[in-house]
Amino acid sequence: MSYLLHIDSSSLGEASVSHQVAQSFRDQWQGPVVHRDLAASPVPHLSAAGITARITDPAQHTPEQAKAAALQDELIEEFLGAGAYLFTVPMYNLSMPSVFKAWLDQIIVTDRTLIFDGPSPVAGRPAVLISARGGGYGPGTPNEGLDYVVPTLEAVLGHDNLLGLDVTTVIPELTMAPVNPALAPLLPLHEASMAAAHDQARTLATTFGTPRAA
């Protein structure tokens, strides 16, 4: 049976706003879930052994290459086996948590998840990207153009020449408003953003339905 693969990358665990919104999705989800918490159990950053193992005959692997290849195989098979995806990726210093980038680098492999002369094997499968941030980065805000999380991940996860997932993004904003006095006037906007994010997550979980077979 296929499953929802939830890749979680927030360092705050259950206190994370991204995680809390993701939980609203999961509370409505009908079907099995595989949850990988990268903050609790980070995968290593891609190494020389991991790169060279991809282009070396397995019979010729060094012990380091064999270990790196085994990890990549585990992560890729887990990724390919899912019928739907939930990515919890908050904004840290304008970008994604390094643990999520490390995971991406491990699973994006030519001729396995990245096919240059055709679609990715996961192309078209539904995915939700939840990315909370302390401020506002939308059009007309002082931070417009400084979001290097969502545009990057929508491209990597969703572009036809990359993984090709059908990505929907949920963005809870202004999460620092309750604790930063300078942002206190924006508290109503934060509360509205939170409510909308939770509602959107719950709706997406029901519209996804049961994940189709991988």
N, C-alpha and C. Protein backbone atom coordinates (compact mmCIF):
# COMPACT_ATOMS: atom_id res chain seq x y z
N MET A 1 0.85 -1.19 0.00
CA MET A 1 0.00 0.00 0.00
C MET A 1 0.89 1.24 0.00
N SER A 2 0.46 2.24 -0.75
CA SER A 2 1.19 3.50 -0.78
C SER A 2 0.91 4.29 0.49
N TYR A 3 1.62 5.41 0.66
CA TYR A 3 1.53 6.16 1.90
C TYR A 3 1.85 7.63 1.65
N LEU A 4 1.55 8.45 2.66
CA LEU A 4 1.98 9.84 2.71
C LEU A 4 3.36 9.88 3.33
N LEU A 5 4.31 10.49 2.65
CA LEU A 5 5.65 10.68 3.21
C LEU A 5 5.74 12.09 3.76
N HIS A 6 5.91 12.19 5.08
CA HIS A 6 6.04 13.49 5.75
C HIS A 6 7.51 13.69 6.10
N ILE A 7 8.13 14.65 5.43
CA ILE A 7 9.51 15.02 5.71
C ILE A 7 9.49 16.31 6.53
N ASP A 8 9.94 16.21 7.77
CA ASP A 8 9.84 17.30 8.74
C ASP A 8 11.25 17.83 9.01
N SER A 9 11.44 19.15 8.95
CA SER A 9 12.80 19.68 9.10
C SER A 9 12.91 20.80 10.12
N SER A 10 11.88 21.04 10.91
CA SER A 10 11.93 22.10 11.91
C SER A 10 12.69 21.65 13.15
N SER A 11 13.56 22.50 13.66
CA SER A 11 14.30 22.20 14.87
C SER A 11 13.45 22.30 16.13
N LEU A 12 12.26 22.90 16.04
CA LEU A 12 11.44 23.16 17.23
C LEU A 12 10.46 22.04 17.55
N GLY A 13 10.39 21.02 16.72
CA GLY A 13 9.48 19.92 16.99
C GLY A 13 8.03 20.38 17.06
N GLU A 14 7.33 19.95 18.11
CA GLU A 14 5.91 20.27 18.22
C GLU A 14 5.65 21.75 18.44
N ALA A 15 6.65 22.51 18.87
CA ALA A 15 6.50 23.95 19.04
C ALA A 15 6.59 24.70 17.72
N SER A 16 7.00 24.04 16.67
CA SER A 16 7.15 24.65 15.36
C SER A 16 5.78 24.96 14.75
N VAL A 17 5.62 26.18 14.23
CA VAL A 17 4.38 26.54 13.55
C VAL A 17 4.21 25.70 12.29
N SER A 18 5.27 25.50 11.54
CA SER A 18 5.18 24.65 10.35
C SER A 18 4.69 23.26 10.73
N HIS A 19 5.23 22.71 11.81
CA HIS A 19 4.83 21.38 12.28
C HIS A 19 3.37 21.37 12.71
N GLN A 20 2.93 22.43 13.40
CA GLN A 20 1.55 22.49 13.87
C GLN A 20 0.57 22.53 12.70
N VAL A 21 0.91 23.29 11.67
CA VAL A 21 0.03 23.34 10.50
C VAL A 21 0.05 21.98 9.78
N ALA A 22 1.22 21.37 9.71
CA ALA A 22 1.30 20.03 9.13
C ALA A 22 0.45 19.03 9.90
N GLN A 23 0.38 19.20 11.22
CA GLN A 23 -0.44 18.30 12.02
C GLN A 23 -1.92 18.45 11.68
N SER A 24 -2.35 19.66 11.34
CA SER A 24 -3.73 19.85 10.90
C SER A 24 -4.00 19.05 9.63
N PHE A 25 -3.02 19.03 8.74
CA PHE A 25 -3.14 18.19 7.53
C PHE A 25 -3.25 16.72 7.93
N ARG A 26 -2.34 16.27 8.78
CA ARG A 26 -2.31 14.86 9.14
C ARG A 26 -3.54 14.42 9.93
N ASP A 27 -4.12 15.33 10.70
CA ASP A 27 -5.33 14.99 11.45
C ASP A 27 -6.49 14.65 10.52
N GLN A 28 -6.48 15.21 9.32
CA GLN A 28 -7.55 14.97 8.35
C GLN A 28 -7.18 13.88 7.33
N TRP A 29 -5.92 13.48 7.32
CA TRP A 29 -5.45 12.54 6.30
C TRP A 29 -6.01 11.14 6.55
N GLN A 30 -6.47 10.51 5.49
CA GLN A 30 -6.98 9.15 5.55
C GLN A 30 -5.98 8.24 4.86
N GLY A 31 -5.23 7.49 5.64
CA GLY A 31 -4.25 6.59 5.05
C GLY A 31 -2.98 6.53 5.87
N PRO A 32 -2.09 5.62 5.52
CA PRO A 32 -0.85 5.48 6.28
C PRO A 32 0.10 6.64 6.05
N VAL A 33 0.96 6.87 7.06
CA VAL A 33 1.94 7.95 7.01
C VAL A 33 3.31 7.40 7.40
N VAL A 34 4.32 7.77 6.63
CA VAL A 34 5.71 7.55 7.01
C VAL A 34 6.30 8.91 7.34
N HIS A 35 6.76 9.09 8.58
CA HIS A 35 7.25 10.39 9.04
C HIS A 35 8.75 10.31 9.27
N ARG A 36 9.49 11.17 8.60
CA ARG A 36 10.94 11.26 8.82
C ARG A 36 11.23 12.65 9.39
N ASP A 37 11.68 12.68 10.62
CA ASP A 37 12.01 13.93 11.31
C ASP A 37 13.51 14.17 11.17
N LEU A 38 13.86 15.07 10.26
CA LEU A 38 15.27 15.32 9.96
C LEU A 38 15.99 16.07 11.07
N ALA A 39 15.25 16.81 11.89
CA ALA A 39 15.89 17.49 13.00
C ALA A 39 16.29 16.50 14.08
N ALA A 40 15.41 15.53 14.35
CA ALA A 40 15.70 14.52 15.37
C ALA A 40 16.71 13.50 14.88
N SER A 41 16.63 13.15 13.59
CA SER A 41 17.54 12.15 13.00
C SER A 41 18.03 12.66 11.65
N PRO A 42 18.97 13.60 11.67
CA PRO A 42 19.43 14.20 10.41
C PRO A 42 20.17 13.20 9.53
N VAL A 43 19.99 13.36 8.23
CA VAL A 43 20.80 12.59 7.30
C VAL A 43 22.09 13.37 7.03
N PRO A 44 23.17 12.70 6.72
CA PRO A 44 24.43 13.42 6.49
C PRO A 44 24.38 14.23 5.21
N HIS A 45 25.17 15.27 5.17
CA HIS A 45 25.33 16.01 3.93
C HIS A 45 26.03 15.14 2.91
N LEU A 46 25.75 15.40 1.66
CA LEU A 46 26.31 14.59 0.58
C LEU A 46 27.83 14.69 0.59
N SER A 47 28.48 13.53 0.55
CA SER A 47 29.94 13.45 0.64
C SER A 47 30.53 13.02 -0.70
N ALA A 48 31.84 13.09 -0.77
CA ALA A 48 32.52 12.60 -1.97
C ALA A 48 32.21 11.12 -2.20
N ALA A 49 32.15 10.35 -1.12
CA ALA A 49 31.83 8.93 -1.26
C ALA A 49 30.43 8.74 -1.83
N GLY A 50 29.48 9.58 -1.37
CA GLY A 50 28.12 9.48 -1.87
C GLY A 50 27.99 9.84 -3.34
N ILE A 51 28.76 10.83 -3.77
CA ILE A 51 28.72 11.24 -5.18
C ILE A 51 29.38 10.19 -6.06
N THR A 52 30.57 9.75 -5.69
CA THR A 52 31.30 8.80 -6.55
C THR A 52 30.65 7.42 -6.55
N ALA A 53 29.93 7.06 -5.49
CA ALA A 53 29.25 5.76 -5.45
C ALA A 53 28.22 5.65 -6.56
N ARG A 54 27.66 6.78 -6.96
CA ARG A 54 26.62 6.77 -7.99
C ARG A 54 27.16 6.39 -9.36
N ILE A 55 28.44 6.59 -9.59
CA ILE A 55 29.03 6.34 -10.91
C ILE A 55 30.09 5.25 -10.86
N THR A 56 30.09 4.48 -9.77
CA THR A 56 31.06 3.40 -9.60
C THR A 56 30.33 2.07 -9.51
N ASP A 57 30.84 1.05 -10.18
CA ASP A 57 30.27 -0.28 -10.10
C ASP A 57 30.17 -0.68 -8.63
N PRO A 58 28.98 -1.10 -8.16
CA PRO A 58 28.86 -1.48 -6.75
C PRO A 58 29.88 -2.52 -6.31
N ALA A 59 30.30 -3.38 -7.22
CA ALA A 59 31.29 -4.39 -6.85
C ALA A 59 32.64 -3.76 -6.52
N GLN A 60 32.83 -2.52 -6.96
CA GLN A 60 34.08 -1.83 -6.74
C GLN A 60 33.99 -0.77 -5.64
N HIS A 61 32.87 -0.72 -4.94
CA HIS A 61 32.70 0.29 -3.90
C HIS A 61 33.68 0.11 -2.76
N THR A 62 34.22 1.22 -2.29
CA THR A 62 34.95 1.22 -1.03
C THR A 62 33.95 1.07 0.11
N PRO A 63 34.40 0.76 1.33
CA PRO A 63 33.45 0.72 2.45
C PRO A 63 32.68 2.02 2.63
N GLU A 64 33.36 3.15 2.42
CA GLU A 64 32.68 4.45 2.56
C GLU A 64 31.63 4.63 1.48
N GLN A 65 31.95 4.23 0.24
CA GLN A 65 30.97 4.33 -0.84
C GLN A 65 29.78 3.40 -0.60
N ALA A 66 30.04 2.21 -0.12
CA ALA A 66 28.97 1.26 0.13
C ALA A 66 28.02 1.79 1.20
N LYS A 67 28.56 2.39 2.25
CA LYS A 67 27.73 2.95 3.31
C LYS A 67 26.90 4.12 2.79
N ALA A 68 27.53 4.98 2.00
CA ALA A 68 26.81 6.13 1.45
C ALA A 68 25.72 5.69 0.49
N ALA A 69 26.03 4.69 -0.34
CA ALA A 69 25.05 4.19 -1.31
C ALA A 69 23.87 3.53 -0.60
N ALA A 70 24.12 2.83 0.49
CA ALA A 70 23.05 2.18 1.23
C ALA A 70 22.08 3.21 1.80
N LEU A 71 22.62 4.32 2.31
CA LEU A 71 21.76 5.37 2.83
C LEU A 71 20.93 5.99 1.71
N GLN A 72 21.56 6.30 0.58
CA GLN A 72 20.82 6.87 -0.54
C GLN A 72 19.73 5.92 -1.00
N ASP A 73 20.03 4.62 -1.08
CA ASP A 73 19.03 3.64 -1.50
C ASP A 73 17.83 3.66 -0.55
N GLU A 74 18.10 3.71 0.75
CA GLU A 74 17.01 3.74 1.74
C GLU A 74 16.13 4.96 1.55
N LEU A 75 16.74 6.13 1.41
CA LEU A 75 15.98 7.37 1.29
C LEU A 75 15.22 7.44 -0.03
N ILE A 76 15.85 6.99 -1.10
CA ILE A 76 15.21 7.04 -2.41
C ILE A 76 14.04 6.07 -2.48
N GLU A 77 14.20 4.86 -1.97
CA GLU A 77 13.10 3.90 -2.00
C GLU A 77 11.93 4.40 -1.15
N GLU A 78 12.22 5.02 -0.03
CA GLU A 78 11.16 5.62 0.80
C GLU A 78 10.45 6.72 0.03
N PHE A 79 11.20 7.55 -0.68
CA PHE A 79 10.63 8.64 -1.46
C PHE A 79 9.79 8.11 -2.61
N LEU A 80 10.31 7.15 -3.35
CA LEU A 80 9.59 6.62 -4.51
C LEU A 80 8.35 5.84 -4.11
N GLY A 81 8.35 5.26 -2.91
CA GLY A 81 7.22 4.45 -2.48
C GLY A 81 6.00 5.24 -2.06
N ALA A 82 6.14 6.54 -1.88
CA ALA A 82 5.01 7.37 -1.43
C ALA A 82 4.10 7.71 -2.58
N GLY A 83 2.82 7.88 -2.25
CA GLY A 83 1.86 8.35 -3.25
C GLY A 83 1.54 9.82 -3.11
N ALA A 84 1.92 10.40 -1.95
CA ALA A 84 1.69 11.83 -1.69
C ALA A 84 2.75 12.27 -0.68
N TYR A 85 2.95 13.59 -0.61
CA TYR A 85 4.07 14.12 0.17
C TYR A 85 3.64 15.33 0.99
N LEU A 86 4.23 15.43 2.19
CA LEU A 86 4.03 16.58 3.07
C LEU A 86 5.41 17.03 3.53
N PHE A 87 5.79 18.24 3.16
CA PHE A 87 7.11 18.77 3.49
C PHE A 87 6.95 19.93 4.48
N THR A 88 7.57 19.79 5.66
CA THR A 88 7.54 20.83 6.68
C THR A 88 8.89 21.53 6.67
N VAL A 89 8.93 22.74 6.06
CA VAL A 89 10.21 23.41 5.81
C VAL A 89 10.10 24.89 6.20
N PRO A 90 10.37 25.23 7.46
CA PRO A 90 10.30 26.64 7.85
C PRO A 90 11.44 27.46 7.24
N MET A 91 11.28 28.77 7.27
CA MET A 91 12.34 29.66 6.83
C MET A 91 13.33 29.89 7.96
N TYR A 92 14.60 29.60 7.70
CA TYR A 92 15.68 29.92 8.63
C TYR A 92 16.66 30.83 7.90
N ASN A 93 16.78 32.06 8.35
CA ASN A 93 17.74 33.00 7.75
C ASN A 93 17.56 33.10 6.23
N LEU A 94 16.30 33.26 5.83
CA LEU A 94 15.88 33.47 4.44
C LEU A 94 15.93 32.21 3.59
N SER A 95 16.40 31.09 4.14
CA SER A 95 16.53 29.88 3.35
C SER A 95 15.94 28.69 4.11
N MET A 96 16.14 27.49 3.57
CA MET A 96 15.61 26.28 4.18
C MET A 96 16.58 25.75 5.24
N PRO A 97 16.09 24.97 6.21
CA PRO A 97 17.00 24.33 7.15
C PRO A 97 18.00 23.44 6.40
N SER A 98 19.23 23.43 6.88
CA SER A 98 20.27 22.67 6.17
C SER A 98 19.96 21.18 6.13
N VAL A 99 19.22 20.68 7.14
CA VAL A 99 18.90 19.25 7.14
C VAL A 99 18.00 18.88 5.97
N PHE A 100 17.13 19.82 5.55
CA PHE A 100 16.26 19.52 4.41
C PHE A 100 17.07 19.54 3.11
N LYS A 101 17.98 20.49 2.98
CA LYS A 101 18.84 20.52 1.80
C LYS A 101 19.68 19.25 1.71
N ALA A 102 20.16 18.77 2.86
CA ALA A 102 20.94 17.53 2.87
C ALA A 102 20.09 16.36 2.38
N TRP A 103 18.83 16.31 2.82
CA TRP A 103 17.93 15.23 2.36
C TRP A 103 17.70 15.32 0.86
N LEU A 104 17.43 16.53 0.36
CA LEU A 104 17.24 16.69 -1.08
C LEU A 104 18.45 16.20 -1.86
N ASP A 105 19.65 16.57 -1.41
CA ASP A 105 20.85 16.19 -2.13
C ASP A 105 21.06 14.68 -2.13
N GLN A 106 20.56 14.00 -1.11
CA GLN A 106 20.68 12.55 -1.06
C GLN A 106 19.70 11.84 -1.99
N ILE A 107 18.51 12.43 -2.19
CA ILE A 107 17.48 11.69 -2.96
C ILE A 107 17.39 12.10 -4.43
N ILE A 108 18.01 13.21 -4.81
CA ILE A 108 17.96 13.61 -6.22
C ILE A 108 19.16 12.98 -6.93
N VAL A 109 18.88 11.91 -7.64
CA VAL A 109 19.93 11.11 -8.29
C VAL A 109 19.52 10.83 -9.72
N THR A 110 20.43 11.10 -10.64
CA THR A 110 20.17 10.88 -12.06
C THR A 110 19.81 9.43 -12.32
N ASP A 111 18.79 9.25 -13.17
CA ASP A 111 18.27 7.95 -13.61
C ASP A 111 17.53 7.20 -12.52
N ARG A 112 17.32 7.85 -11.37
CA ARG A 112 16.50 7.23 -10.33
C ARG A 112 15.32 8.14 -9.97
N THR A 113 15.58 9.35 -9.55
CA THR A 113 14.51 10.32 -9.31
C THR A 113 14.56 11.47 -10.31
N LEU A 114 15.69 11.63 -10.97
CA LEU A 114 15.89 12.71 -11.94
C LEU A 114 16.17 12.07 -13.30
N ILE A 115 15.21 12.23 -14.23
CA ILE A 115 15.30 11.60 -15.54
C ILE A 115 15.41 12.70 -16.59
N PHE A 116 16.54 12.77 -17.27
CA PHE A 116 16.76 13.88 -18.20
C PHE A 116 15.99 13.75 -19.51
N ASP A 117 15.66 12.52 -19.93
CA ASP A 117 14.96 12.35 -21.20
C ASP A 117 13.51 11.96 -21.01
N GLY A 118 12.95 12.26 -19.85
CA GLY A 118 11.55 11.95 -19.59
C GLY A 118 11.15 12.43 -18.22
N PRO A 119 9.89 12.16 -17.84
CA PRO A 119 9.41 12.63 -16.54
C PRO A 119 10.01 11.85 -15.38
N SER A 120 10.08 12.50 -14.25
CA SER A 120 10.49 11.85 -13.01
C SER A 120 9.49 10.74 -12.68
N PRO A 121 9.92 9.67 -12.03
CA PRO A 121 8.97 8.61 -11.64
C PRO A 121 7.91 9.07 -10.65
N VAL A 122 8.10 10.24 -10.01
CA VAL A 122 7.08 10.75 -9.08
C VAL A 122 6.30 11.91 -9.70
N ALA A 123 6.50 12.19 -10.97
CA ALA A 123 5.85 13.34 -11.61
C ALA A 123 4.34 13.29 -11.44
N GLY A 124 3.77 14.41 -11.05
CA GLY A 124 2.34 14.53 -10.92
C GLY A 124 1.76 14.11 -9.59
N ARG A 125 2.56 13.48 -8.74
CA ARG A 125 2.04 13.09 -7.44
C ARG A 125 1.85 14.34 -6.57
N PRO A 126 0.78 14.36 -5.75
CA PRO A 126 0.48 15.57 -4.98
C PRO A 126 1.44 15.77 -3.81
N ALA A 127 1.76 17.02 -3.55
CA ALA A 127 2.65 17.38 -2.44
C ALA A 127 2.21 18.69 -1.83
N VAL A 128 2.32 18.78 -0.51
CA VAL A 128 2.07 20.03 0.21
C VAL A 128 3.38 20.48 0.85
N LEU A 129 3.73 21.73 0.61
CA LEU A 129 4.90 22.36 1.21
C LEU A 129 4.41 23.38 2.23
N ILE A 130 4.74 23.19 3.50
CA ILE A 130 4.35 24.12 4.56
C ILE A 130 5.60 24.84 5.05
N SER A 131 5.59 26.17 4.93
CA SER A 131 6.77 26.96 5.27
C SER A 131 6.37 28.18 6.08
N ALA A 132 6.56 28.11 7.40
CA ALA A 132 6.28 29.26 8.26
C ALA A 132 7.48 30.18 8.28
N ARG A 133 7.20 31.46 8.55
CA ARG A 133 8.26 32.44 8.65
C ARG A 133 7.88 33.55 9.62
N GLY A 134 8.89 34.14 10.27
CA GLY A 134 8.65 35.11 11.32
C GLY A 134 8.07 36.42 10.84
N GLY A 135 8.38 36.81 9.60
CA GLY A 135 7.88 38.05 9.05
C GLY A 135 6.96 37.80 7.87
N GLY A 136 6.79 38.85 7.05
CA GLY A 136 6.00 38.74 5.83
C GLY A 136 6.90 39.00 4.63
N TYR A 137 6.76 38.16 3.60
CA TYR A 137 7.65 38.24 2.44
C TYR A 137 6.87 38.34 1.12
N GLY A 138 5.59 38.64 1.22
CA GLY A 138 4.77 38.71 0.02
C GLY A 138 4.92 40.02 -0.72
N PRO A 139 4.21 40.17 -1.85
CA PRO A 139 4.27 41.40 -2.64
C PRO A 139 3.90 42.61 -1.82
N GLY A 140 4.70 43.67 -1.94
CA GLY A 140 4.43 44.92 -1.26
C GLY A 140 4.99 45.02 0.15
N THR A 141 5.54 43.93 0.67
CA THR A 141 6.14 43.97 2.00
C THR A 141 7.60 44.43 1.90
N PRO A 142 8.17 44.94 3.00
CA PRO A 142 9.58 45.34 2.97
C PRO A 142 10.52 44.18 2.63
N ASN A 143 10.09 42.95 2.91
CA ASN A 143 10.94 41.78 2.65
C ASN A 143 10.66 41.11 1.31
N GLU A 144 9.86 41.76 0.47
CA GLU A 144 9.56 41.15 -0.83
C GLU A 144 10.85 40.83 -1.58
N GLY A 145 10.91 39.63 -2.12
CA GLY A 145 12.07 39.21 -2.88
C GLY A 145 13.15 38.52 -2.07
N LEU A 146 12.96 38.44 -0.74
CA LEU A 146 13.97 37.83 0.12
C LEU A 146 13.62 36.41 0.56
N ASP A 147 12.54 35.86 0.02
CA ASP A 147 12.17 34.48 0.33
C ASP A 147 12.94 33.54 -0.60
N TYR A 148 13.92 32.83 -0.04
CA TYR A 148 14.70 31.88 -0.82
C TYR A 148 14.35 30.44 -0.46
N VAL A 149 13.20 30.26 0.21
CA VAL A 149 12.72 28.93 0.55
C VAL A 149 11.70 28.46 -0.48
N VAL A 150 10.56 29.14 -0.51
CA VAL A 150 9.45 28.67 -1.34
C VAL A 150 9.78 28.67 -2.83
N PRO A 151 10.31 29.77 -3.41
CA PRO A 151 10.62 29.70 -4.84
C PRO A 151 11.60 28.58 -5.19
N THR A 152 12.61 28.39 -4.35
CA THR A 152 13.58 27.33 -4.61
C THR A 152 12.94 25.96 -4.55
N LEU A 153 12.15 25.71 -3.49
CA LEU A 153 11.57 24.39 -3.34
C LEU A 153 10.45 24.12 -4.33
N GLU A 154 9.70 25.15 -4.70
CA GLU A 154 8.69 24.94 -5.73
C GLU A 154 9.35 24.54 -7.05
N ALA A 155 10.55 25.08 -7.30
CA ALA A 155 11.28 24.71 -8.52
C ALA A 155 11.85 23.30 -8.41
N VAL A 156 12.55 23.01 -7.31
CA VAL A 156 13.19 21.70 -7.17
C VAL A 156 12.15 20.58 -7.08
N LEU A 157 11.13 20.80 -6.28
CA LEU A 157 10.12 19.76 -6.10
C LEU A 157 9.14 19.67 -7.25
N GLY A 158 8.85 20.81 -7.88
CA GLY A 158 7.74 20.83 -8.81
C GLY A 158 8.06 21.00 -10.27
N HIS A 159 9.26 21.46 -10.61
CA HIS A 159 9.55 21.72 -12.02
C HIS A 159 9.57 20.42 -12.80
N ASP A 160 9.05 20.47 -14.04
CA ASP A 160 8.97 19.27 -14.87
C ASP A 160 10.34 18.66 -15.14
N ASN A 161 11.39 19.47 -15.17
CA ASN A 161 12.72 18.95 -15.44
C ASN A 161 13.43 18.44 -14.19
N LEU A 162 12.76 18.57 -13.02
CA LEU A 162 13.34 18.07 -11.78
C LEU A 162 12.42 16.98 -11.24
N LEU A 163 11.85 17.13 -10.03
CA LEU A 163 11.04 16.04 -9.49
C LEU A 163 9.61 16.02 -10.03
N GLY A 164 9.10 17.17 -10.44
CA GLY A 164 7.81 17.20 -11.12
C GLY A 164 6.60 16.92 -10.25
N LEU A 165 6.71 17.10 -8.94
CA LEU A 165 5.55 16.91 -8.08
C LEU A 165 4.52 18.02 -8.31
N ASP A 166 3.28 17.73 -7.98
CA ASP A 166 2.21 18.72 -8.06
C ASP A 166 2.14 19.41 -6.70
N VAL A 167 2.88 20.53 -6.56
CA VAL A 167 3.12 21.14 -5.25
C VAL A 167 2.10 22.25 -4.96
N THR A 168 1.53 22.19 -3.77
CA THR A 168 0.72 23.28 -3.23
C THR A 168 1.42 23.81 -1.98
N THR A 169 1.58 25.12 -1.90
CA THR A 169 2.33 25.72 -0.80
C THR A 169 1.40 26.40 0.20
N VAL A 170 1.67 26.18 1.48
CA VAL A 170 0.92 26.80 2.58
C VAL A 170 1.93 27.62 3.39
N ILE A 171 1.64 28.92 3.58
CA ILE A 171 2.62 29.82 4.21
C ILE A 171 2.00 30.53 5.41
N PRO A 172 2.21 30.04 6.62
CA PRO A 172 1.84 30.81 7.82
C PRO A 172 2.88 31.90 8.06
N GLU A 173 2.43 33.15 8.14
CA GLU A 173 3.37 34.27 8.21
C GLU A 173 3.32 34.99 9.56
N LEU A 174 4.33 35.84 9.74
CA LEU A 174 4.38 36.76 10.88
C LEU A 174 4.36 36.02 12.22
N THR A 175 5.05 34.88 12.28
CA THR A 175 5.01 34.07 13.50
C THR A 175 5.73 34.73 14.67
N MET A 176 6.52 35.77 14.40
CA MET A 176 7.18 36.49 15.49
C MET A 176 6.30 37.58 16.09
N ALA A 177 5.15 37.85 15.49
CA ALA A 177 4.30 38.92 15.99
C ALA A 177 3.88 38.73 17.44
N PRO A 178 3.60 37.50 17.91
CA PRO A 178 3.20 37.36 19.32
C PRO A 178 4.33 37.59 20.32
N VAL A 179 5.59 37.57 19.86
CA VAL A 179 6.71 37.66 20.81
C VAL A 179 7.63 38.85 20.57
N ASN A 180 7.50 39.51 19.43
CA ASN A 180 8.35 40.65 19.11
C ASN A 180 7.52 41.93 19.20
N PRO A 181 7.78 42.80 20.18
CA PRO A 181 6.97 44.00 20.33
C PRO A 181 6.92 44.86 19.07
N ALA A 182 7.99 44.86 18.29
CA ALA A 182 8.00 45.68 17.07
C ALA A 182 6.97 45.20 16.06
N LEU A 183 6.58 43.92 16.15
CA LEU A 183 5.61 43.36 15.21
C LEU A 183 4.21 43.27 15.80
N ALA A 184 4.03 43.77 17.01
CA ALA A 184 2.73 43.67 17.68
C ALA A 184 1.58 44.23 16.84
N PRO A 185 1.76 45.35 16.12
CA PRO A 185 0.64 45.85 15.30
C PRO A 185 0.20 44.88 14.21
N LEU A 186 1.06 43.90 13.90
CA LEU A 186 0.74 42.94 12.84
C LEU A 186 0.11 41.66 13.39
N LEU A 187 -0.16 41.64 14.69
CA LEU A 187 -0.71 40.44 15.30
C LEU A 187 -2.02 39.98 14.63
N PRO A 188 -2.96 40.88 14.31
CA PRO A 188 -4.18 40.41 13.63
C PRO A 188 -3.88 39.74 12.29
N LEU A 189 -2.90 40.27 11.57
CA LEU A 189 -2.54 39.65 10.29
C LEU A 189 -1.94 38.26 10.52
N HIS A 190 -1.14 38.13 11.57
CA HIS A 190 -0.58 36.83 11.92
C HIS A 190 -1.69 35.83 12.24
N GLU A 191 -2.63 36.26 13.07
CA GLU A 191 -3.72 35.36 13.46
C GLU A 191 -4.55 34.94 12.25
N ALA A 192 -4.79 35.87 11.34
CA ALA A 192 -5.53 35.52 10.13
C ALA A 192 -4.74 34.55 9.26
N SER A 193 -3.43 34.78 9.17
CA SER A 193 -2.59 33.90 8.38
C SER A 193 -2.58 32.49 8.96
N MET A 194 -2.50 32.38 10.28
CA MET A 194 -2.50 31.08 10.93
C MET A 194 -3.81 30.34 10.69
N ALA A 195 -4.91 31.04 10.86
CA ALA A 195 -6.21 30.40 10.66
C ALA A 195 -6.36 29.92 9.23
N ALA A 196 -5.93 30.75 8.28
CA ALA A 196 -6.03 30.37 6.86
C ALA A 196 -5.14 29.18 6.55
N ALA A 197 -3.94 29.15 7.15
CA ALA A 197 -3.01 28.05 6.89
C ALA A 197 -3.57 26.73 7.40
N HIS A 198 -4.09 26.73 8.62
CA HIS A 198 -4.68 25.51 9.17
C HIS A 198 -5.87 25.05 8.34
N ASP A 199 -6.72 25.99 7.93
CA ASP A 199 -7.88 25.63 7.10
C ASP A 199 -7.43 25.06 5.76
N GLN A 200 -6.44 25.69 5.16
CA GLN A 200 -5.95 25.20 3.87
C GLN A 200 -5.35 23.81 4.01
N ALA A 201 -4.60 23.58 5.07
CA ALA A 201 -3.99 22.27 5.29
C ALA A 201 -5.05 21.19 5.45
N ARG A 202 -6.07 21.47 6.23
CA ARG A 202 -7.13 20.48 6.42
C ARG A 202 -7.86 20.20 5.12
N THR A 203 -8.13 21.25 4.35
CA THR A 203 -8.82 21.06 3.07
C THR A 203 -7.98 20.24 2.10
N LEU A 204 -6.69 20.52 2.04
CA LEU A 204 -5.82 19.77 1.14
C LEU A 204 -5.78 18.29 1.50
N ALA A 205 -5.79 17.98 2.78
CA ALA A 205 -5.74 16.58 3.21
C ALA A 205 -6.96 15.82 2.72
N THR A 206 -8.12 16.49 2.71
CA THR A 206 -9.33 15.80 2.27
C THR A 206 -9.41 15.75 0.74
N THR A 207 -8.89 16.77 0.05
CA THR A 207 -8.95 16.76 -1.41
C THR A 207 -7.92 15.83 -2.02
N PHE A 208 -6.80 15.60 -1.31
CA PHE A 208 -5.82 14.62 -1.79
C PHE A 208 -6.44 13.23 -1.84
N GLY A 209 -7.28 12.90 -0.83
CA GLY A 209 -7.82 11.57 -0.76
C GLY A 209 -6.78 10.54 -0.37
N THR A 210 -7.08 9.29 -0.59
CA THR A 210 -6.14 8.22 -0.30
C THR A 210 -5.06 8.20 -1.35
N PRO A 211 -3.78 8.12 -0.96
CA PRO A 211 -2.70 8.17 -1.96
C PRO A 211 -2.77 7.01 -2.93
N ARG A 212 -2.54 7.31 -4.19
CA ARG A 212 -2.57 6.26 -5.19
C ARG A 212 -1.29 5.45 -5.12
N ALA A 213 -1.35 4.26 -5.67
CA ALA A 213 -0.20 3.36 -5.64
C ALA A 213 0.97 3.95 -6.38
N ALA A 214 2.17 3.79 -5.78
CA ALA A 214 3.37 4.33 -6.42
C ALA A 214 3.83 3.43 -7.54
